[in-house]
């Protein structure tokens, strides 16, 4: 099993649900404009995966959990360009990983998408709700880009 290194550019978020938490919050289930629109198990190569899509008002969110994430600790969460979600999932070499699809922006998905993913995982939103649905215990989210050269 690969060791997970904590770094200055990532944060660990515990997602274990409390006694009152439900996989899909009741207020969400009662609204027509918010819903889980897809939740399917699939196989990517020889690995199990789960594809979850969520609609929130005018926005749509998609996450791909690759490997055994249920109950797992320190599972990396990575923003990837929407069109590359399944390709990146098939390339994953980690024991478990969750990929969140983000639209490509002029600066690239790493910059625009990473901020949205980090914020929603920490403070709540559809992305955090999708992660909770996977029953992952804790995740690691990068909050800044380390591939860009320092100024």
N, C-alpha and C. Protein backbone atom coordinates (compact mmCIF):
# COMPACT_ATOMS: atom_id res chain seq x y z
N UNK A 1 0.84 -1.18 0.00
CA UNK A 1 0.00 0.00 0.00
C UNK A 1 0.88 1.24 0.00
N UNK A 2 0.51 2.22 -0.82
CA UNK A 2 1.26 3.45 -0.91
C UNK A 2 1.06 4.30 0.34
N UNK A 3 2.14 4.89 0.80
CA UNK A 3 2.05 5.81 1.94
C UNK A 3 1.55 7.16 1.44
N UNK A 4 0.75 7.83 2.25
CA UNK A 4 0.26 9.15 1.90
C UNK A 4 1.08 10.17 2.67
N UNK A 5 1.70 11.06 1.94
CA UNK A 5 2.48 12.12 2.57
C UNK A 5 1.65 13.38 2.67
N UNK A 6 1.62 13.98 3.84
CA UNK A 6 0.95 15.25 4.00
C UNK A 6 1.93 16.33 3.57
N UNK A 7 1.44 17.33 2.89
CA UNK A 7 2.31 18.39 2.40
C UNK A 7 1.70 19.74 2.74
N UNK A 8 2.50 20.78 2.57
CA UNK A 8 2.03 22.12 2.86
C UNK A 8 0.92 22.54 1.91
N UNK A 9 0.78 21.90 0.76
CA UNK A 9 -0.21 22.28 -0.23
C UNK A 9 -1.48 21.44 -0.19
N UNK A 10 -1.64 20.58 0.81
CA UNK A 10 -2.86 19.76 0.89
C UNK A 10 -3.42 19.81 2.31
N UNK A 11 -4.69 19.51 2.40
CA UNK A 11 -5.33 19.45 3.70
C UNK A 11 -6.14 18.17 3.83
N UNK A 12 -6.21 17.67 5.04
CA UNK A 12 -6.97 16.46 5.35
C UNK A 12 -8.32 16.87 5.90
N UNK A 13 -9.39 16.27 5.38
CA UNK A 13 -10.75 16.58 5.82
C UNK A 13 -11.42 15.28 6.22
N UNK A 14 -11.90 15.21 7.45
CA UNK A 14 -12.61 14.03 7.95
C UNK A 14 -14.06 14.15 7.52
N UNK A 15 -14.58 13.08 6.91
CA UNK A 15 -15.95 13.10 6.38
C UNK A 15 -16.85 12.07 7.02
N UNK A 16 -16.40 11.46 8.09
CA UNK A 16 -17.24 10.44 8.72
C UNK A 16 -18.56 11.08 9.13
N UNK A 17 -19.66 10.51 8.67
CA UNK A 17 -20.96 11.09 9.00
C UNK A 17 -21.31 10.91 10.47
N UNK A 18 -22.00 11.91 10.99
CA UNK A 18 -22.48 11.82 12.36
C UNK A 18 -23.78 11.05 12.41
N UNK A 19 -24.37 10.98 13.60
CA UNK A 19 -25.61 10.22 13.77
C UNK A 19 -26.77 10.80 12.97
N UNK A 20 -26.77 12.12 12.79
CA UNK A 20 -27.89 12.75 12.09
C UNK A 20 -27.66 12.89 10.59
N UNK A 21 -26.49 12.54 10.10
CA UNK A 21 -26.19 12.71 8.69
C UNK A 21 -26.83 11.59 7.87
N UNK A 22 -27.31 11.95 6.70
CA UNK A 22 -27.86 10.98 5.75
C UNK A 22 -27.07 11.11 4.46
N UNK A 23 -26.97 10.04 3.67
CA UNK A 23 -26.23 10.14 2.42
C UNK A 23 -26.73 11.27 1.52
N UNK A 24 -28.04 11.45 1.47
CA UNK A 24 -28.62 12.58 0.75
C UNK A 24 -29.47 13.35 1.75
N UNK A 25 -29.09 14.59 2.07
CA UNK A 25 -29.85 15.35 3.07
C UNK A 25 -31.32 15.45 2.70
N UNK A 26 -32.19 15.40 3.71
CA UNK A 26 -33.63 15.41 3.48
C UNK A 26 -34.08 16.66 2.74
N UNK A 27 -33.50 17.83 3.10
CA UNK A 27 -33.90 19.05 2.39
C UNK A 27 -33.54 18.97 0.91
N UNK A 28 -32.50 18.24 0.58
CA UNK A 28 -32.12 18.04 -0.82
C UNK A 28 -33.13 17.12 -1.50
N UNK A 29 -33.53 16.06 -0.82
CA UNK A 29 -34.46 15.10 -1.41
C UNK A 29 -35.81 15.75 -1.72
N UNK A 30 -36.17 16.81 -0.98
CA UNK A 30 -37.46 17.45 -1.16
C UNK A 30 -37.47 18.57 -2.18
N UNK A 31 -36.31 18.93 -2.74
CA UNK A 31 -36.24 20.02 -3.71
C UNK A 31 -36.12 19.46 -5.11
N UNK A 32 -36.87 20.05 -6.05
CA UNK A 32 -36.83 19.58 -7.43
C UNK A 32 -35.54 19.99 -8.13
N UNK A 33 -34.91 21.10 -7.69
CA UNK A 33 -33.74 21.59 -8.40
C UNK A 33 -32.42 21.02 -7.86
N UNK A 34 -32.48 20.17 -6.83
CA UNK A 34 -31.30 19.52 -6.29
C UNK A 34 -31.53 18.02 -6.26
N UNK A 35 -30.60 17.27 -6.82
CA UNK A 35 -30.82 15.83 -6.80
C UNK A 35 -29.59 15.06 -7.23
N UNK A 36 -29.49 13.84 -6.72
CA UNK A 36 -28.52 12.89 -7.25
C UNK A 36 -29.14 12.37 -8.54
N UNK A 37 -28.47 12.60 -9.65
CA UNK A 37 -29.04 12.21 -10.94
C UNK A 37 -28.47 10.90 -11.47
N UNK A 38 -27.33 10.47 -10.87
CA UNK A 38 -26.70 9.23 -11.31
C UNK A 38 -25.86 8.68 -10.16
N UNK A 39 -25.97 7.41 -9.93
CA UNK A 39 -25.15 6.72 -8.92
C UNK A 39 -25.02 5.27 -9.38
N UNK A 40 -23.92 4.99 -10.10
CA UNK A 40 -23.74 3.67 -10.67
C UNK A 40 -22.37 3.10 -10.32
N UNK A 41 -22.34 1.79 -10.17
CA UNK A 41 -21.08 1.07 -10.00
C UNK A 41 -20.62 0.62 -11.38
N UNK A 42 -19.32 0.67 -11.60
CA UNK A 42 -18.77 0.22 -12.87
C UNK A 42 -17.37 -0.31 -12.67
N UNK A 43 -16.83 -0.91 -13.70
CA UNK A 43 -15.48 -1.44 -13.66
C UNK A 43 -14.63 -0.67 -14.65
N UNK A 44 -13.49 -0.19 -14.15
CA UNK A 44 -12.52 0.49 -15.01
C UNK A 44 -11.28 -0.38 -15.01
N UNK A 45 -11.01 -1.01 -16.13
CA UNK A 45 -9.92 -1.99 -16.19
C UNK A 45 -10.31 -3.17 -15.32
N UNK A 46 -9.55 -3.41 -14.27
CA UNK A 46 -9.86 -4.50 -13.34
C UNK A 46 -10.32 -3.97 -11.99
N UNK A 47 -10.53 -2.65 -11.90
CA UNK A 47 -10.85 -2.03 -10.62
C UNK A 47 -12.30 -1.60 -10.55
N UNK A 48 -12.83 -1.66 -9.35
CA UNK A 48 -14.20 -1.18 -9.11
C UNK A 48 -14.19 0.33 -9.05
N UNK A 49 -15.28 0.92 -9.51
CA UNK A 49 -15.42 2.37 -9.47
C UNK A 49 -16.89 2.71 -9.26
N UNK A 50 -17.12 3.95 -8.87
CA UNK A 50 -18.49 4.42 -8.66
C UNK A 50 -18.58 5.82 -9.24
N UNK A 51 -19.56 6.03 -10.09
CA UNK A 51 -19.78 7.31 -10.74
C UNK A 51 -21.03 7.95 -10.15
N UNK A 52 -20.86 9.17 -9.64
CA UNK A 52 -21.97 9.89 -9.01
C UNK A 52 -22.12 11.24 -9.69
N UNK A 53 -23.36 11.59 -10.04
CA UNK A 53 -23.65 12.91 -10.61
C UNK A 53 -24.70 13.58 -9.74
N UNK A 54 -24.58 14.88 -9.59
CA UNK A 54 -25.43 15.66 -8.70
C UNK A 54 -25.83 16.94 -9.41
N UNK A 55 -27.10 17.30 -9.36
CA UNK A 55 -27.59 18.55 -9.95
C UNK A 55 -27.94 19.51 -8.83
N UNK A 56 -27.40 20.72 -8.93
CA UNK A 56 -27.63 21.76 -7.93
C UNK A 56 -28.02 23.03 -8.67
N UNK A 57 -29.29 23.40 -8.62
CA UNK A 57 -29.80 24.56 -9.36
C UNK A 57 -29.39 24.44 -10.82
N UNK A 58 -28.52 25.32 -11.31
CA UNK A 58 -28.10 25.28 -12.71
C UNK A 58 -26.78 24.56 -12.91
N UNK A 59 -26.15 24.12 -11.83
CA UNK A 59 -24.85 23.47 -11.93
C UNK A 59 -24.99 21.96 -11.80
N UNK A 60 -24.06 21.25 -12.44
CA UNK A 60 -24.00 19.80 -12.33
C UNK A 60 -22.61 19.42 -11.85
N UNK A 61 -22.54 18.42 -11.01
CA UNK A 61 -21.28 17.95 -10.45
C UNK A 61 -21.17 16.45 -10.70
N UNK A 62 -19.95 15.99 -10.99
CA UNK A 62 -19.72 14.57 -11.23
C UNK A 62 -18.46 14.15 -10.50
N UNK A 63 -18.52 13.01 -9.82
CA UNK A 63 -17.35 12.46 -9.13
C UNK A 63 -17.20 10.99 -9.50
N UNK A 64 -15.95 10.55 -9.58
CA UNK A 64 -15.63 9.15 -9.87
C UNK A 64 -14.75 8.63 -8.75
N UNK A 65 -15.26 7.69 -7.98
CA UNK A 65 -14.48 7.05 -6.92
C UNK A 65 -13.87 5.78 -7.49
N UNK A 66 -12.54 5.71 -7.49
CA UNK A 66 -11.81 4.58 -8.06
C UNK A 66 -11.17 3.78 -6.93
N UNK A 67 -11.36 2.47 -6.95
CA UNK A 67 -10.81 1.63 -5.89
C UNK A 67 -11.78 1.53 -4.72
N UNK A 68 -11.29 0.97 -3.63
CA UNK A 68 -12.13 0.76 -2.45
C UNK A 68 -12.03 1.97 -1.53
N UNK A 69 -13.00 2.89 -1.64
CA UNK A 69 -12.97 4.11 -0.84
C UNK A 69 -13.82 4.02 0.43
N UNK A 70 -14.78 3.12 0.46
CA UNK A 70 -15.66 3.01 1.62
C UNK A 70 -14.86 2.71 2.88
N UNK A 71 -14.92 3.62 3.85
CA UNK A 71 -14.22 3.46 5.12
C UNK A 71 -12.74 3.82 5.06
N UNK A 72 -12.24 4.18 3.89
CA UNK A 72 -10.81 4.45 3.73
C UNK A 72 -10.42 5.81 4.31
N UNK A 73 -9.19 5.90 4.77
CA UNK A 73 -8.63 7.13 5.32
C UNK A 73 -7.72 7.79 4.29
N UNK A 74 -7.68 9.11 4.30
CA UNK A 74 -6.73 9.89 3.51
C UNK A 74 -6.78 9.59 2.01
N UNK A 75 -7.97 9.48 1.48
CA UNK A 75 -8.14 9.22 0.06
C UNK A 75 -7.94 10.54 -0.70
N UNK A 76 -7.02 10.56 -1.66
CA UNK A 76 -6.82 11.79 -2.43
C UNK A 76 -8.04 12.15 -3.26
N UNK A 77 -8.37 13.44 -3.28
CA UNK A 77 -9.43 13.97 -4.13
C UNK A 77 -8.74 14.91 -5.12
N UNK A 78 -9.03 14.69 -6.39
CA UNK A 78 -8.35 15.45 -7.43
C UNK A 78 -9.34 16.01 -8.43
N UNK A 79 -9.19 17.29 -8.77
CA UNK A 79 -10.00 17.92 -9.80
C UNK A 79 -9.41 17.57 -11.16
N UNK A 80 -10.26 17.08 -12.07
CA UNK A 80 -9.82 16.76 -13.42
C UNK A 80 -10.81 17.36 -14.42
N UNK A 81 -10.32 17.65 -15.60
CA UNK A 81 -11.17 18.20 -16.64
C UNK A 81 -12.29 17.21 -16.97
N UNK A 82 -13.50 17.75 -17.14
CA UNK A 82 -14.69 16.93 -17.36
C UNK A 82 -14.49 15.85 -18.43
N UNK A 83 -13.94 16.25 -19.56
CA UNK A 83 -13.80 15.33 -20.69
C UNK A 83 -12.80 14.21 -20.41
N UNK A 84 -11.97 14.38 -19.40
CA UNK A 84 -10.92 13.40 -19.11
C UNK A 84 -11.22 12.54 -17.88
N UNK A 85 -12.39 12.67 -17.31
CA UNK A 85 -12.71 12.00 -16.05
C UNK A 85 -12.49 10.49 -16.12
N UNK A 86 -13.08 9.81 -17.07
CA UNK A 86 -12.94 8.36 -17.15
C UNK A 86 -11.53 7.93 -17.57
N UNK A 87 -10.91 8.72 -18.43
CA UNK A 87 -9.54 8.41 -18.84
C UNK A 87 -8.60 8.51 -17.64
N UNK A 88 -8.71 9.60 -16.88
CA UNK A 88 -7.86 9.77 -15.69
C UNK A 88 -8.16 8.68 -14.65
N UNK A 89 -9.43 8.29 -14.53
CA UNK A 89 -9.79 7.22 -13.61
C UNK A 89 -9.14 5.91 -14.00
N UNK A 90 -9.06 5.63 -15.29
CA UNK A 90 -8.43 4.39 -15.74
C UNK A 90 -6.92 4.41 -15.55
N UNK A 91 -6.33 5.58 -15.46
CA UNK A 91 -4.88 5.72 -15.27
C UNK A 91 -4.47 5.73 -13.80
N UNK A 92 -5.42 5.81 -12.90
CA UNK A 92 -5.10 5.92 -11.47
C UNK A 92 -4.35 4.69 -10.99
N UNK A 93 -3.24 4.90 -10.33
CA UNK A 93 -2.45 3.80 -9.79
C UNK A 93 -2.53 3.74 -8.27
N UNK A 94 -3.35 4.60 -7.68
CA UNK A 94 -3.49 4.62 -6.22
C UNK A 94 -4.47 3.55 -5.77
N UNK A 95 -4.34 3.07 -4.52
CA UNK A 95 -5.30 2.08 -4.02
C UNK A 95 -6.74 2.62 -4.04
N UNK A 96 -6.89 3.91 -3.78
CA UNK A 96 -8.20 4.55 -3.81
C UNK A 96 -7.99 6.02 -4.15
N UNK A 97 -8.91 6.56 -4.94
CA UNK A 97 -8.82 7.96 -5.34
C UNK A 97 -10.21 8.41 -5.76
N UNK A 98 -10.52 9.68 -5.51
CA UNK A 98 -11.78 10.25 -5.97
C UNK A 98 -11.46 11.41 -6.89
N UNK A 99 -12.00 11.35 -8.11
CA UNK A 99 -11.79 12.39 -9.10
C UNK A 99 -13.07 13.20 -9.22
N UNK A 100 -12.95 14.51 -9.23
CA UNK A 100 -14.09 15.39 -9.37
C UNK A 100 -13.96 16.13 -10.69
N UNK A 101 -14.97 16.03 -11.54
CA UNK A 101 -14.94 16.69 -12.85
C UNK A 101 -15.17 18.18 -12.68
N UNK A 102 -14.31 18.96 -13.34
CA UNK A 102 -14.46 20.41 -13.33
C UNK A 102 -14.34 20.89 -14.78
N UNK A 103 -15.03 21.99 -15.10
CA UNK A 103 -14.92 22.51 -16.46
C UNK A 103 -13.53 23.08 -16.70
N UNK A 104 -13.09 23.02 -17.96
CA UNK A 104 -11.80 23.60 -18.32
C UNK A 104 -11.98 25.11 -18.40
N UNK A 105 -11.12 25.84 -17.71
CA UNK A 105 -11.13 27.30 -17.77
C UNK A 105 -9.84 27.75 -18.41
N UNK A 106 -9.75 29.02 -18.76
CA UNK A 106 -8.58 29.51 -19.48
C UNK A 106 -7.28 29.23 -18.74
N UNK A 107 -7.31 29.24 -17.42
CA UNK A 107 -6.11 28.95 -16.64
C UNK A 107 -5.93 27.45 -16.42
N UNK A 108 -6.89 26.65 -16.85
CA UNK A 108 -6.79 25.21 -16.70
C UNK A 108 -7.57 24.72 -15.50
N UNK A 109 -7.95 23.45 -15.50
CA UNK A 109 -8.78 22.90 -14.43
C UNK A 109 -8.06 22.87 -13.09
N UNK A 110 -6.74 22.79 -13.10
CA UNK A 110 -6.01 22.69 -11.83
C UNK A 110 -6.20 23.94 -10.98
N UNK A 111 -6.32 25.09 -11.61
CA UNK A 111 -6.45 26.32 -10.85
C UNK A 111 -7.90 26.61 -10.49
N UNK A 112 -8.78 26.67 -11.51
CA UNK A 112 -10.17 27.00 -11.26
C UNK A 112 -10.90 25.93 -10.47
N UNK A 113 -10.68 24.67 -10.84
CA UNK A 113 -11.40 23.57 -10.20
C UNK A 113 -10.91 23.26 -8.80
N UNK A 114 -9.61 23.38 -8.56
CA UNK A 114 -9.06 23.04 -7.26
C UNK A 114 -9.67 23.89 -6.15
N UNK A 115 -9.87 25.18 -6.41
CA UNK A 115 -10.45 26.08 -5.41
C UNK A 115 -11.88 25.70 -5.07
N UNK A 116 -12.67 25.38 -6.10
CA UNK A 116 -14.07 24.98 -5.88
C UNK A 116 -14.14 23.68 -5.08
N UNK A 117 -13.34 22.70 -5.47
CA UNK A 117 -13.33 21.40 -4.79
C UNK A 117 -12.90 21.58 -3.34
N UNK A 118 -11.79 22.28 -3.11
CA UNK A 118 -11.30 22.49 -1.75
C UNK A 118 -12.34 23.18 -0.89
N UNK A 119 -12.94 24.24 -1.38
CA UNK A 119 -13.93 24.99 -0.61
C UNK A 119 -15.14 24.12 -0.26
N UNK A 120 -15.69 23.41 -1.24
CA UNK A 120 -16.88 22.60 -0.97
C UNK A 120 -16.59 21.41 -0.06
N UNK A 121 -15.40 20.84 -0.15
CA UNK A 121 -15.07 19.72 0.73
C UNK A 121 -14.98 20.21 2.17
N UNK A 122 -14.40 21.39 2.37
CA UNK A 122 -14.24 21.92 3.72
C UNK A 122 -15.54 22.45 4.32
N UNK A 123 -16.28 23.27 3.58
CA UNK A 123 -17.42 23.96 4.17
C UNK A 123 -18.77 23.38 3.78
N UNK A 124 -18.81 22.50 2.81
CA UNK A 124 -20.06 21.86 2.42
C UNK A 124 -20.51 22.29 1.05
N UNK A 125 -21.31 21.44 0.45
CA UNK A 125 -21.82 21.67 -0.90
C UNK A 125 -22.01 20.34 -1.59
N UNK A 126 -22.45 20.36 -2.82
CA UNK A 126 -22.70 19.12 -3.54
C UNK A 126 -21.49 18.20 -3.63
N UNK A 127 -20.30 18.76 -3.78
CA UNK A 127 -19.11 17.91 -3.87
C UNK A 127 -18.90 17.16 -2.56
N UNK A 128 -19.02 17.84 -1.43
CA UNK A 128 -18.87 17.17 -0.14
C UNK A 128 -19.97 16.12 0.04
N UNK A 129 -21.18 16.43 -0.39
CA UNK A 129 -22.28 15.46 -0.28
C UNK A 129 -21.99 14.21 -1.11
N UNK A 130 -21.43 14.38 -2.32
CA UNK A 130 -21.08 13.21 -3.14
C UNK A 130 -19.99 12.38 -2.47
N UNK A 131 -18.99 13.06 -1.89
CA UNK A 131 -17.93 12.33 -1.19
C UNK A 131 -18.49 11.55 -0.01
N UNK A 132 -19.41 12.16 0.71
CA UNK A 132 -20.04 11.48 1.85
C UNK A 132 -20.81 10.24 1.38
N UNK A 133 -21.42 10.32 0.22
CA UNK A 133 -22.16 9.17 -0.32
C UNK A 133 -21.25 7.97 -0.55
N UNK A 134 -19.96 8.20 -0.81
CA UNK A 134 -19.03 7.09 -1.04
C UNK A 134 -18.62 6.41 0.25
N UNK A 135 -18.98 7.00 1.39
CA UNK A 135 -18.66 6.50 2.73
C UNK A 135 -17.17 6.53 3.04
N UNK A 136 -16.43 7.41 2.38
CA UNK A 136 -15.01 7.60 2.67
C UNK A 136 -14.89 8.24 4.05
N UNK A 137 -13.89 7.83 4.83
CA UNK A 137 -13.72 8.36 6.19
C UNK A 137 -13.02 9.72 6.19
N UNK A 138 -11.97 9.86 5.38
CA UNK A 138 -11.28 11.14 5.28
C UNK A 138 -10.62 11.26 3.92
N UNK A 139 -10.44 12.51 3.48
CA UNK A 139 -9.86 12.77 2.17
C UNK A 139 -8.72 13.76 2.29
N UNK A 140 -7.87 13.77 1.28
CA UNK A 140 -6.80 14.75 1.14
C UNK A 140 -7.10 15.59 -0.09
N UNK A 141 -7.12 16.90 0.10
CA UNK A 141 -7.42 17.81 -0.99
C UNK A 141 -6.27 18.79 -1.16
N UNK A 142 -5.73 18.87 -2.38
CA UNK A 142 -4.72 19.88 -2.67
C UNK A 142 -5.42 21.23 -2.81
N UNK A 143 -4.85 22.24 -2.20
CA UNK A 143 -5.48 23.55 -2.26
C UNK A 143 -4.66 24.57 -3.04
N UNK A 144 -3.49 24.19 -3.52
CA UNK A 144 -2.74 25.08 -4.41
C UNK A 144 -1.94 24.25 -5.40
N UNK A 145 -1.56 24.89 -6.49
CA UNK A 145 -0.87 24.21 -7.58
C UNK A 145 0.63 24.21 -7.32
N UNK A 146 1.22 23.02 -7.29
CA UNK A 146 2.66 22.93 -7.09
C UNK A 146 3.40 22.71 -8.39
N UNK A 147 2.65 22.56 -9.50
CA UNK A 147 3.31 22.32 -10.79
C UNK A 147 3.77 23.62 -11.44
N UNK A 148 3.16 24.74 -11.04
CA UNK A 148 3.55 26.02 -11.63
C UNK A 148 4.83 26.52 -10.99
N UNK A 149 5.70 27.15 -11.78
CA UNK A 149 6.94 27.69 -11.20
C UNK A 149 6.66 28.84 -10.25
N UNK A 150 7.48 28.97 -9.23
CA UNK A 150 7.30 30.05 -8.26
C UNK A 150 7.63 31.38 -8.91
N UNK A 151 6.93 32.41 -8.47
CA UNK A 151 7.16 33.76 -9.05
C UNK A 151 8.39 34.39 -8.43
